[in-house]
Amino acid sequence: MFTSKKKCNEVYLPIEGDIILGIVAEKSSSHLLIDCKAKKLAKLLVMNSARDLLLKSDRIQIGTVLCCRVQTIGYKCTSFTVSCSQSAATHALLQKGFIFQVLPLVARMLLHSKDVLTKSINISHPLEIAVGYNGLIWFHSRPSVTEMQFLLLISKYYAQ
């Protein structure tokens, strides 16, 4: 997995309902702590439902990228909890590919102009993109040369 060397100093301020990307920072039998580029790590509770079996599996390790939804926020954003998709936890697990961080404002611009973004990439083979409101972007395609093309395209948005 590739992580951009460019780091953003802007911290994500969670908003209930936001779809965000996060990286598993800690794993226990009751919860996962997710780095969402906020002041604090988010907590993802692991219950005993069939949906959560994936979260308990060996497929989820420290460094795994997950797509989550912000559920609750503590007083003055001192803590917050997230959840994975209710319908299919397998869609929450982002494997292979690479992840990098941009300003949350840039991520919001990308989400609102996704049609322009996908046309600008001009790639003729399958690709997957996930953009979180917290400024994390995950991308996967074959061949991997297009990852650099995508990074260059996002860098243009990032520089604006």
C-alpha atoms as a PDB file:
ATOM      1  CA  MET A   1       0.000   0.000   0.000  1.00  0.00           C
ATOM      2  CA  PHE A   2       1.343   3.422  -0.942  1.00  0.00           C
ATOM      3  CA  THR A   3       1.017   6.384   1.387  1.00  0.00           C
ATOM      4  CA  SER A   4       1.662   9.867   0.078  1.00  0.00           C
ATOM      5  CA  LYS A   5       4.696  11.612   1.511  1.00  0.00           C
ATOM      6  CA  LYS A   6       2.769  14.878   1.480  1.00  0.00           C
ATOM      7  CA  LYS A   7       1.097  15.275   4.845  1.00  0.00           C
ATOM      8  CA  CYS A   8      -1.664  17.742   5.581  1.00  0.00           C
ATOM      9  CA  ASN A   9      -1.558  19.720   8.790  1.00  0.00           C
ATOM     10  CA  GLU A  10      -5.310  20.236   8.726  1.00  0.00           C
ATOM     11  CA  VAL A  11      -7.128  17.995  11.203  1.00  0.00           C
ATOM     12  CA  TYR A  12     -10.456  16.439  10.256  1.00  0.00           C
ATOM     13  CA  LEU A  13     -13.388  17.608  12.394  1.00  0.00           C
ATOM     14  CA  PRO A  14     -15.927  14.771  12.434  1.00  0.00           C
ATOM     15  CA  ILE A  15     -19.528  15.415  11.403  1.00  0.00           C
ATOM     16  CA  GLU A  16     -22.218  12.815  12.095  1.00  0.00           C
ATOM     17  CA  GLY A  17     -23.097  10.952   8.915  1.00  0.00           C
ATOM     18  CA  ASP A  18     -19.830  11.669   7.085  1.00  0.00           C
ATOM     19  CA  ILE A  19     -18.419   8.789   5.067  1.00  0.00           C
ATOM     20  CA  ILE A  20     -14.727   8.660   5.869  1.00  0.00           C
ATOM     21  CA  LEU A  21     -11.740   6.432   5.269  1.00  0.00           C
ATOM     22  CA  GLY A  22      -9.576   5.283   8.124  1.00  0.00           C
ATOM     23  CA  ILE A  23      -6.586   3.113   8.855  1.00  0.00           C
ATOM     24  CA  VAL A  24      -6.791   0.513  11.623  1.00  0.00           C
ATOM     25  CA  ALA A  25      -4.375   1.638  14.346  1.00  0.00           C
ATOM     26  CA  GLU A  26      -5.290  -0.849  17.088  1.00  0.00           C
ATOM     27  CA  LYS A  27      -7.307  -4.058  17.257  1.00  0.00           C
ATOM     28  CA  SER A  28      -8.879  -5.726  20.277  1.00  0.00           C
ATOM     29  CA  SER A  29     -11.661  -8.256  20.764  1.00  0.00           C
ATOM     30  CA  SER A  30     -14.211  -5.523  21.534  1.00  0.00           C
ATOM     31  CA  HIS A  31     -13.247  -2.688  19.193  1.00  0.00           C
ATOM     32  CA  LEU A  32     -10.926  -1.277  16.570  1.00  0.00           C
ATOM     33  CA  LEU A  33      -9.279   2.130  16.844  1.00  0.00           C
ATOM     34  CA  ILE A  34      -9.283   3.877  13.476  1.00  0.00           C
ATOM     35  CA  ASP A  35      -6.960   6.706  12.425  1.00  0.00           C
ATOM     36  CA  CYS A  36      -9.201   9.088  10.478  1.00  0.00           C
ATOM     37  CA  LYS A  37      -6.765  12.025  10.607  1.00  0.00           C
ATOM     38  CA  ALA A  38      -8.769  13.649  13.419  1.00  0.00           C
ATOM     39  CA  LYS A  39      -7.423  14.800  16.810  1.00  0.00           C
ATOM     40  CA  LYS A  40      -8.411  11.451  18.330  1.00  0.00           C
ATOM     41  CA  LEU A  41      -8.677   7.939  16.990  1.00  0.00           C
ATOM     42  CA  ALA A  42     -12.212   6.825  16.174  1.00  0.00           C
ATOM     43  CA  LYS A  43     -13.660   3.768  17.873  1.00  0.00           C
ATOM     44  CA  LEU A  44     -15.346   1.052  15.842  1.00  0.00           C
ATOM     45  CA  LEU A  45     -17.184  -1.340  18.151  1.00  0.00           C
ATOM     46  CA  VAL A  46     -17.107  -5.003  17.219  1.00  0.00           C
ATOM     47  CA  MET A  47     -20.375  -6.708  18.145  1.00  0.00           C
ATOM     48  CA  ASN A  48     -21.461 -10.305  17.704  1.00  0.00           C
ATOM     49  CA  SER A  49     -23.589  -9.923  14.573  1.00  0.00           C
ATOM     50  CA  ALA A  50     -22.825 -11.644  11.276  1.00  0.00           C
ATOM     51  CA  ARG A  51     -21.892  -8.245   9.823  1.00  0.00           C
ATOM     52  CA  ASP A  52     -19.091  -7.897  12.343  1.00  0.00           C
ATOM     53  CA  LEU A  53     -17.529 -11.300  11.723  1.00  0.00           C
ATOM     54  CA  LEU A  54     -15.373  -9.758   9.013  1.00  0.00           C
ATOM     55  CA  LEU A  55     -14.120  -7.147  11.476  1.00  0.00           C
ATOM     56  CA  LYS A  56     -13.015  -9.888  13.850  1.00  0.00           C
ATOM     57  CA  SER A  57     -11.326 -11.883  11.106  1.00  0.00           C
ATOM     58  CA  ASP A  58      -7.633 -12.033  10.296  1.00  0.00           C
ATOM     59  CA  ARG A  59      -8.311  -9.946   7.177  1.00  0.00           C
ATOM     60  CA  ILE A  60      -8.458  -6.867   9.395  1.00  0.00           C
ATOM     61  CA  GLN A  61      -4.978  -6.010  10.642  1.00  0.00           C
ATOM     62  CA  ILE A  62      -3.228  -2.875  11.800  1.00  0.00           C
ATOM     63  CA  GLY A  63      -2.787  -0.804   8.643  1.00  0.00           C
ATOM     64  CA  THR A  64      -5.966  -2.082   6.949  1.00  0.00           C
ATOM     65  CA  VAL A  65      -7.985   0.670   5.246  1.00  0.00           C
ATOM     66  CA  LEU A  66     -11.708   0.787   6.074  1.00  0.00           C
ATOM     67  CA  CYS A  67     -14.582   2.879   4.789  1.00  0.00           C
ATOM     68  CA  CYS A  68     -16.725   4.035   7.734  1.00  0.00           C
ATOM     69  CA  ARG A  69     -19.599   6.335   8.664  1.00  0.00           C
ATOM     70  CA  VAL A  70     -19.326   8.730  11.614  1.00  0.00           C
ATOM     71  CA  GLN A  71     -22.009   7.680  14.124  1.00  0.00           C
ATOM     72  CA  THR A  72     -21.603   9.714  17.312  1.00  0.00           C
ATOM     73  CA  ILE A  73     -19.350  12.553  18.392  1.00  0.00           C
ATOM     74  CA  GLY A  74     -18.348  13.236  21.986  1.00  0.00           C
ATOM     75  CA  TYR A  75     -18.389  16.617  23.686  1.00  0.00           C
ATOM     76  CA  LYS A  76     -16.096  19.092  21.852  1.00  0.00           C
ATOM     77  CA  CYS A  77     -14.990  16.306  19.478  1.00  0.00           C
ATOM     78  CA  THR A  78     -12.975  14.635  22.240  1.00  0.00           C
ATOM     79  CA  SER A  79     -14.073  11.251  20.921  1.00  0.00           C
ATOM     80  CA  PHE A  80     -16.176   9.761  18.173  1.00  0.00           C
ATOM     81  CA  THR A  81     -17.433   6.394  17.007  1.00  0.00           C
ATOM     82  CA  VAL A  82     -17.785   5.044  13.506  1.00  0.00           C
ATOM     83  CA  SER A  83     -19.501   2.057  11.923  1.00  0.00           C
ATOM     84  CA  CYS A  84     -19.093   0.069   8.739  1.00  0.00           C
ATOM     85  CA  SER A  85     -21.850  -0.418   6.192  1.00  0.00           C
ATOM     86  CA  GLN A  86     -24.924  -2.134   7.602  1.00  0.00           C
ATOM     87  CA  SER A  87     -25.536  -3.952   4.318  1.00  0.00           C
ATOM     88  CA  ALA A  88     -22.171  -5.551   3.601  1.00  0.00           C
ATOM     89  CA  ALA A  89     -19.018  -5.221   5.656  1.00  0.00           C
ATOM     90  CA  THR A  90     -16.998  -6.577   2.732  1.00  0.00           C
ATOM     91  CA  HIS A  91     -17.472  -3.246   0.943  1.00  0.00           C
ATOM     92  CA  ALA A  92     -15.893  -1.467   3.890  1.00  0.00           C
ATOM     93  CA  LEU A  93     -12.570  -3.274   3.503  1.00  0.00           C
ATOM     94  CA  LEU A  94     -10.338  -1.578   0.937  1.00  0.00           C
ATOM     95  CA  GLN A  95      -7.599  -3.969  -0.109  1.00  0.00           C
ATOM     96  CA  LYS A  96      -4.547  -3.475  -2.300  1.00  0.00           C
ATOM     97  CA  GLY A  97      -4.311  -0.060  -3.914  1.00  0.00           C
ATOM     98  CA  PHE A  98      -2.841   2.941  -2.173  1.00  0.00           C
ATOM     99  CA  ILE A  99      -4.007   5.696   0.139  1.00  0.00           C
ATOM    100  CA  PHE A 100      -2.948   9.283   0.494  1.00  0.00           C
ATOM    101  CA  GLN A 101      -4.143  12.369   2.289  1.00  0.00           C
ATOM    102  CA  VAL A 102      -5.305  15.715   0.952  1.00  0.00           C
ATOM    103  CA  LEU A 103      -7.009  18.599   2.691  1.00  0.00           C
ATOM    104  CA  PRO A 104     -10.580  17.715   3.699  1.00  0.00           C
ATOM    105  CA  LEU A 105     -11.731  20.711   1.616  1.00  0.00           C
ATOM    106  CA  VAL A 106     -10.060  19.204  -1.473  1.00  0.00           C
ATOM    107  CA  ALA A 107     -11.708  15.836  -0.770  1.00  0.00           C
ATOM    108  CA  ARG A 108     -15.122  17.536  -0.589  1.00  0.00           C
ATOM    109  CA  MET A 109     -14.409  19.274  -3.919  1.00  0.00           C
ATOM    110  CA  LEU A 110     -13.484  15.914  -5.465  1.00  0.00           C
ATOM    111  CA  LEU A 111     -16.670  14.314  -4.146  1.00  0.00           C
ATOM    112  CA  HIS A 112     -18.829  17.068  -5.606  1.00  0.00           C
ATOM    113  CA  SER A 113     -17.066  16.989  -8.983  1.00  0.00           C
ATOM    114  CA  LYS A 114     -16.576  13.223  -9.313  1.00  0.00           C
ATOM    115  CA  ASP A 115     -17.870  13.178 -12.916  1.00  0.00           C
ATOM    116  CA  VAL A 116     -15.241  15.723 -13.950  1.00  0.00           C
ATOM    117  CA  LEU A 117     -12.628  13.760 -12.010  1.00  0.00           C
ATOM    118  CA  THR A 118     -13.375  10.420 -13.658  1.00  0.00           C
ATOM    119  CA  LYS A 119     -13.413  11.999 -17.142  1.00  0.00           C
ATOM    120  CA  SER A 120     -10.102  13.753 -16.419  1.00  0.00           C
ATOM    121  CA  ILE A 121      -8.391  10.506 -15.488  1.00  0.00           C
ATOM    122  CA  ASN A 122      -9.113   9.084 -18.961  1.00  0.00           C
ATOM    123  CA  ILE A 123      -8.304   5.483 -18.020  1.00  0.00           C
ATOM    124  CA  SER A 124      -9.713   2.739 -20.224  1.00  0.00           C
ATOM    125  CA  HIS A 125      -9.486  -0.140 -17.730  1.00  0.00           C
ATOM    126  CA  PRO A 126     -11.171  -0.926 -14.391  1.00  0.00           C
ATOM    127  CA  LEU A 127     -10.396   1.249 -11.397  1.00  0.00           C
ATOM    128  CA  GLU A 128     -11.730   1.801  -7.901  1.00  0.00           C
ATOM    129  CA  ILE A 129     -11.695   5.103  -6.033  1.00  0.00           C
ATOM    130  CA  ALA A 130     -12.863   5.896  -2.508  1.00  0.00           C
ATOM    131  CA  VAL A 131     -12.787   9.453  -1.199  1.00  0.00           C
ATOM    132  CA  GLY A 132     -13.554  10.224   2.430  1.00  0.00           C
ATOM    133  CA  TYR A 133     -14.798  13.550   3.736  1.00  0.00           C
ATOM    134  CA  ASN A 134     -11.802  13.458   6.084  1.00  0.00           C
ATOM    135  CA  GLY A 135      -9.331  13.912   3.207  1.00  0.00           C
ATOM    136  CA  LEU A 136      -8.156  10.333   2.769  1.00  0.00           C
ATOM    137  CA  ILE A 137      -8.304   8.978  -0.771  1.00  0.00           C
ATOM    138  CA  TRP A 138      -7.879   5.311  -1.731  1.00  0.00           C
ATOM    139  CA  PHE A 139      -7.251   4.219  -5.301  1.00  0.00           C
ATOM    140  CA  HIS A 140      -6.699   0.885  -7.040  1.00  0.00           C
ATOM    141  CA  SER A 141      -6.373  -0.041 -10.706  1.00  0.00           C
ATOM    142  CA  ARG A 142      -4.477  -2.319 -13.047  1.00  0.00           C
ATOM    143  CA  PRO A 143      -1.848  -1.758 -14.355  1.00  0.00           C
ATOM    144  CA  SER A 144      -0.268   0.103 -11.444  1.00  0.00           C
ATOM    145  CA  VAL A 145       1.233   2.760 -13.746  1.00  0.00           C
ATOM    146  CA  THR A 146      -2.154   4.511 -13.613  1.00  0.00           C
ATOM    147  CA  GLU A 147      -1.752   4.984  -9.851  1.00  0.00           C
ATOM    148  CA  MET A 148       0.939   7.556 -10.574  1.00  0.00           C
ATOM    149  CA  GLN A 149      -1.276   9.209 -13.190  1.00  0.00           C
ATOM    150  CA  PHE A 150      -4.052   9.442 -10.626  1.00  0.00           C
ATOM    151  CA  LEU A 151      -1.703  10.836  -7.978  1.00  0.00           C
ATOM    152  CA  LEU A 152      -0.519  13.513 -10.420  1.00  0.00           C
ATOM    153  CA  LEU A 153      -4.122  14.463 -11.232  1.00  0.00           C
ATOM    154  CA  ILE A 154      -5.036  14.761  -7.549  1.00  0.00           C
ATOM    155  CA  SER A 155      -1.841  16.728  -6.931  1.00  0.00           C
ATOM    156  CA  LYS A 156      -3.126  19.338  -9.418  1.00  0.00           C
ATOM    157  CA  TYR A 157      -6.336  19.687  -7.364  1.00  0.00           C
ATOM    158  CA  TYR A 158      -4.250  19.710  -4.194  1.00  0.00           C
ATOM    159  CA  ALA A 159      -2.055  22.549  -5.464  1.00  0.00           C
ATOM    160  CA  GLN A 160      -5.040  24.815  -6.208  1.00  0.00           C
END
